[in-house]
Amino acid sequence: MFEGVDVKAVLIRQRLKMRKAEDNLIDQVGQILHDNTFNKKNVLENLKNYNASFTVINEDEVDKDLIFSISEIKKVAISYRLRFIDTVFYKHELPYECVLKIDYLNSTYKKEVQGLKVLSTGKFLKNKNSTDPALLFSPTNLGNYYLLHDWGKPLKWSRAISNWPLRNIETLFLTLIITTLIITLCLPTYLITLDRKATYWCAYRIGVFFHLFIFNMGVTAYITFAFSKNLSTGIWNSEKDFG
């Protein structure tokens, strides 16, 4: 009934959602500026960038449907609590298919592709036997990322929901407020006051809400520090703390 989540498909949907007509114009301008930088008369002035062009993918040479901006990748990473890190911090071997694709790019376009990044879960990054999905990206000449290869099983359909409270500080506080409100509304009046005249909707219940909210904030702070449950906005591109 509930299908797994294909991270690649989510990225494509996110790109369609975020990109507007003017973005295409910006990309075209960026390409013109890039081409101008590497005109023969400008090569010496931009020698550093010229040398770097041999280690990144030229967007004109590959499938544009597999090119994603850093903002699109960040959005998906935060929503599903994924990590986007350099492959040097990934301690396990890449699948053989990845190696073949890298070799193909290098030999076909006379490159020595560097700066590869992997997008996956913390579990995958620290456990070589994990079957979680992973996506391998290579930087492009316009500052985007080209999807080289993806592998692994789909994510659980509930991952975005279960990790929603840890997306950012706003979702965390909203979760605390909603949770506290539900608990407060579920408590019978005789448990929150000895006043027999008190009705369900009374000032005592409001007081209980604020006391519970402070208590829940303390518990959340303890769990956050004790179990290193940092917010996704702060760790989505961090090579540390893969818990």
Protein backbone atom coordinates (compact mmCIF):
# COMPACT_ATOMS: atom_id res chain seq x y z
CA MET A 1 0.00 0.00 0.00
CA PHE A 2 2.77 2.42 0.97
CA GLU A 3 5.54 2.45 -1.62
CA GLY A 4 9.15 3.25 -0.85
CA VAL A 5 10.65 6.64 -1.69
CA ASP A 6 12.86 6.91 -4.77
CA VAL A 7 15.31 9.71 -3.88
CA LYS A 8 16.21 10.32 -7.52
CA ALA A 9 12.53 10.81 -8.42
CA VAL A 10 12.11 13.15 -5.44
CA LEU A 11 15.06 15.23 -6.65
CA ILE A 12 13.55 15.53 -10.12
CA ARG A 13 10.19 16.64 -8.67
CA GLN A 14 11.96 19.14 -6.44
CA ARG A 15 13.78 20.61 -9.44
CA LEU A 16 10.52 21.05 -11.34
CA LYS A 17 8.98 22.70 -8.29
CA MET A 18 11.83 25.11 -7.57
CA ARG A 19 12.95 26.15 -11.04
CA LYS A 20 11.20 28.97 -12.81
CA ALA A 21 11.41 30.29 -16.35
CA GLU A 22 13.93 32.95 -15.36
CA ASP A 23 16.26 30.25 -14.00
CA ASN A 24 16.84 29.01 -17.53
CA LEU A 25 17.85 32.52 -18.55
CA ILE A 26 20.26 32.72 -15.63
CA ASP A 27 21.79 29.39 -16.65
CA GLN A 28 22.25 30.66 -20.19
CA VAL A 29 23.95 33.83 -18.95
CA GLY A 30 26.20 31.73 -16.73
CA GLN A 31 27.15 29.56 -19.69
CA ILE A 32 27.95 32.63 -21.81
CA LEU A 33 30.16 34.06 -19.06
CA HIS A 34 31.85 30.70 -18.62
CA ASP A 35 32.52 30.36 -22.35
CA ASN A 36 33.87 33.89 -22.46
CA THR A 37 36.24 33.08 -19.62
CA PHE A 38 37.79 30.31 -21.67
CA ASN A 39 38.21 32.19 -24.93
CA LYS A 40 41.77 31.87 -26.18
CA LYS A 41 42.58 35.46 -25.31
CA ASN A 42 41.28 35.02 -21.75
CA VAL A 43 42.85 31.66 -20.88
CA LEU A 44 46.01 33.14 -19.39
CA GLU A 45 44.01 35.59 -17.29
CA ASN A 46 41.84 32.76 -15.98
CA LEU A 47 44.45 30.00 -15.91
CA LYS A 48 43.36 28.73 -12.48
CA ASN A 49 39.76 28.30 -13.61
CA TYR A 50 40.92 26.84 -16.90
CA ASN A 51 42.93 24.13 -15.14
CA ALA A 52 40.00 23.40 -12.82
CA SER A 53 37.74 22.83 -15.84
CA PHE A 54 39.46 19.49 -16.41
CA THR A 55 38.22 18.18 -13.06
CA VAL A 56 34.50 19.04 -13.39
CA ILE A 57 31.70 18.08 -15.75
CA ASN A 58 30.78 20.45 -18.57
CA GLU A 59 26.99 20.76 -18.54
CA ASP A 60 26.87 20.94 -22.34
CA GLU A 61 28.35 17.45 -22.56
CA VAL A 62 25.90 15.55 -20.36
CA ASP A 63 22.18 14.95 -19.90
CA LYS A 64 20.72 18.14 -18.39
CA ASP A 65 17.91 16.12 -16.79
CA LEU A 66 20.51 14.72 -14.40
CA ILE A 67 21.86 18.11 -13.32
CA PHE A 68 20.70 19.51 -9.97
CA SER A 69 21.46 22.71 -8.09
CA ILE A 70 22.82 22.66 -4.55
CA SER A 71 19.57 24.23 -3.25
CA GLU A 72 17.51 21.39 -4.74
CA ILE A 73 19.78 18.77 -3.20
CA LYS A 74 19.73 20.58 0.14
CA LYS A 75 15.93 20.69 0.18
CA VAL A 76 15.64 16.93 -0.36
CA ALA A 77 18.46 16.18 2.09
CA ILE A 78 16.75 18.14 4.87
CA SER A 79 13.30 16.71 4.14
CA TYR A 80 14.51 13.11 4.33
CA ARG A 81 17.39 13.65 6.80
CA LEU A 82 20.10 12.71 4.33
CA ARG A 83 23.77 13.67 4.12
CA PHE A 84 25.54 15.25 1.16
CA ILE A 85 29.27 14.79 1.72
CA ASP A 86 32.54 14.40 -0.15
CA THR A 87 33.35 10.82 -1.06
CA VAL A 88 36.67 11.13 0.81
CA PHE A 89 34.62 10.87 4.02
CA TYR A 90 32.82 7.76 2.75
CA LYS A 91 35.05 4.98 4.03
CA HIS A 92 33.67 2.11 1.95
CA GLU A 93 34.20 1.15 -1.67
CA LEU A 94 31.90 2.57 -4.32
CA PRO A 95 29.95 0.10 -6.49
CA TYR A 96 31.79 -1.12 -9.55
CA GLU A 97 29.19 0.62 -11.78
CA CYS A 98 30.25 3.97 -10.29
CA VAL A 99 33.89 3.31 -11.11
CA LEU A 100 32.98 2.38 -14.69
CA LYS A 101 30.94 5.58 -15.17
CA ILE A 102 33.73 7.74 -13.78
CA ASP A 103 36.25 6.06 -16.08
CA TYR A 104 33.88 6.58 -19.02
CA LEU A 105 33.55 10.31 -18.30
CA ASN A 106 37.28 10.70 -17.84
CA SER A 107 38.15 8.92 -21.08
CA THR A 108 35.31 10.36 -23.18
CA TYR A 109 35.66 14.01 -22.19
CA LYS A 110 39.37 14.00 -21.31
CA LYS A 111 38.67 14.77 -17.66
CA GLU A 112 40.01 13.77 -14.30
CA VAL A 113 36.76 14.19 -12.38
CA GLN A 114 37.25 15.29 -8.77
CA GLY A 115 35.12 16.60 -5.91
CA LEU A 116 32.64 13.72 -6.04
CA LYS A 117 29.87 13.77 -3.45
CA VAL A 118 27.45 11.15 -2.16
CA LEU A 119 23.87 11.72 -0.97
CA SER A 120 22.53 9.12 1.43
CA THR A 121 21.48 8.34 5.00
CA GLY A 122 23.78 8.43 8.00
CA LYS A 123 23.27 4.67 8.37
CA PHE A 124 24.58 4.06 4.86
CA LEU A 125 27.63 6.27 5.37
CA LYS A 126 28.81 4.37 8.44
CA ASN A 127 27.66 0.85 7.55
CA LYS A 128 28.92 -0.73 4.33
CA ASN A 129 26.20 -3.40 4.50
CA SER A 130 23.37 -0.87 4.50
CA THR A 131 20.88 -1.15 1.63
CA ASP A 132 19.72 2.46 1.94
CA PRO A 133 19.68 4.43 -1.33
CA ALA A 134 22.76 6.41 -2.33
CA LEU A 135 23.39 8.88 -5.14
CA LEU A 136 26.81 9.84 -6.50
CA PHE A 137 27.29 13.37 -7.87
CA SER A 138 30.04 15.18 -9.72
CA PRO A 139 30.39 19.01 -9.70
CA THR A 140 29.77 20.86 -12.97
CA ASN A 141 31.36 23.90 -14.56
CA LEU A 142 28.38 26.07 -13.56
CA GLY A 143 28.39 25.16 -9.87
CA ASN A 144 25.70 22.48 -10.04
CA TYR A 145 25.93 18.71 -9.61
CA TYR A 146 25.56 15.95 -12.18
CA LEU A 147 24.05 12.65 -11.02
CA LEU A 148 26.52 9.94 -12.00
CA HIS A 149 24.89 6.89 -10.47
CA ASP A 150 22.28 5.82 -7.91
CA TRP A 151 21.89 2.49 -6.14
CA GLY A 152 20.28 0.84 -3.11
CA LYS A 153 16.68 0.22 -2.09
CA PRO A 154 14.03 2.99 -1.79
CA LEU A 155 13.64 4.81 1.51
CA LYS A 156 10.77 3.93 3.81
CA TRP A 157 7.65 5.94 2.94
CA SER A 158 7.44 7.20 6.53
CA ARG A 159 10.97 8.64 6.71
CA ALA A 160 9.99 12.22 5.83
CA ILE A 161 7.18 12.14 8.41
CA SER A 162 9.20 10.59 11.24
CA ASN A 163 12.06 13.03 10.71
CA TRP A 164 9.88 16.11 10.19
CA PRO A 165 10.38 17.43 13.77
CA LEU A 166 14.17 17.46 13.28
CA ARG A 167 14.20 19.43 10.01
CA ASN A 168 14.79 22.82 11.65
CA ILE A 169 14.12 24.79 14.82
CA GLU A 170 10.66 25.85 13.60
CA THR A 171 9.42 22.29 13.00
CA LEU A 172 10.88 21.19 16.34
CA PHE A 173 9.03 23.89 18.29
CA LEU A 174 5.83 23.29 16.35
CA THR A 175 6.03 19.58 17.17
CA LEU A 176 6.53 20.40 20.85
CA ILE A 177 3.53 22.74 20.86
CA ILE A 178 1.25 20.23 19.10
CA THR A 179 2.38 17.33 21.30
CA THR A 180 1.92 19.35 24.48
CA LEU A 181 -1.49 20.57 23.33
CA ILE A 182 -2.69 17.02 22.61
CA ILE A 183 -1.54 15.78 26.03
CA THR A 184 -3.17 18.75 27.75
CA LEU A 185 -6.48 18.23 25.98
CA CYS A 186 -6.47 14.52 26.81
CA LEU A 187 -6.04 15.05 30.55
CA PRO A 188 -9.31 14.84 32.53
CA THR A 189 -10.10 17.85 34.69
CA TYR A 190 -9.84 15.92 37.99
CA LEU A 191 -6.17 15.20 37.25
CA ILE A 192 -5.20 18.84 36.81
CA THR A 193 -7.08 20.46 39.73
CA LEU A 194 -8.84 19.61 42.99
CA ASP A 195 -11.35 22.36 42.37
CA ARG A 196 -14.68 20.53 41.96
CA LYS A 197 -16.25 23.57 40.35
CA ALA A 198 -13.67 23.75 37.59
CA THR A 199 -14.93 23.01 34.09
CA TYR A 200 -13.05 21.33 31.25
CA TRP A 201 -12.16 24.70 29.68
CA CYS A 202 -10.61 26.48 32.64
CA ALA A 203 -7.49 28.45 33.53
CA TYR A 204 -6.00 25.38 35.21
CA ARG A 205 -5.73 23.65 31.84
CA ILE A 206 -3.86 26.62 30.38
CA GLY A 207 -1.43 26.48 33.30
CA VAL A 208 -0.89 22.76 32.77
CA PHE A 209 -0.17 23.39 29.08
CA PHE A 210 2.65 25.85 29.85
CA HIS A 211 4.13 23.61 32.57
CA LEU A 212 4.08 20.60 30.25
CA PHE A 213 5.58 22.66 27.44
CA ILE A 214 8.54 23.67 29.61
CA PHE A 215 8.97 20.06 30.72
CA ASN A 216 8.87 18.77 27.14
CA MET A 217 11.43 21.38 26.09
CA GLY A 218 13.77 20.11 28.81
CA VAL A 219 13.31 16.48 27.75
CA THR A 220 13.89 17.41 24.09
CA ALA A 221 17.07 19.33 24.96
CA TYR A 222 18.35 16.35 26.96
CA ILE A 223 17.64 13.87 24.14
CA THR A 224 19.22 16.22 21.60
CA PHE A 225 22.48 16.48 23.50
CA ALA A 226 22.56 12.93 24.93
CA PHE A 227 21.89 11.18 21.63
CA SER A 228 23.39 13.77 19.24
CA LYS A 229 20.09 14.29 17.43
CA ASN A 230 21.06 17.50 15.67
CA LEU A 231 18.72 19.34 13.34
CA SER A 232 18.88 18.40 9.66
CA THR A 233 19.58 22.00 8.64
CA GLY A 234 22.83 21.86 10.58
CA ILE A 235 24.14 18.45 9.51
CA TRP A 236 22.86 17.85 5.95
CA ASN A 237 26.34 18.58 4.52
CA SER A 238 28.42 17.60 7.56
CA GLU A 239 30.87 14.71 7.48
CA LYS A 240 30.53 14.25 11.26
CA ASP A 241 27.91 12.56 13.44
CA PHE A 242 26.34 9.94 11.17
CA GLY A 243 23.83 8.86 13.84
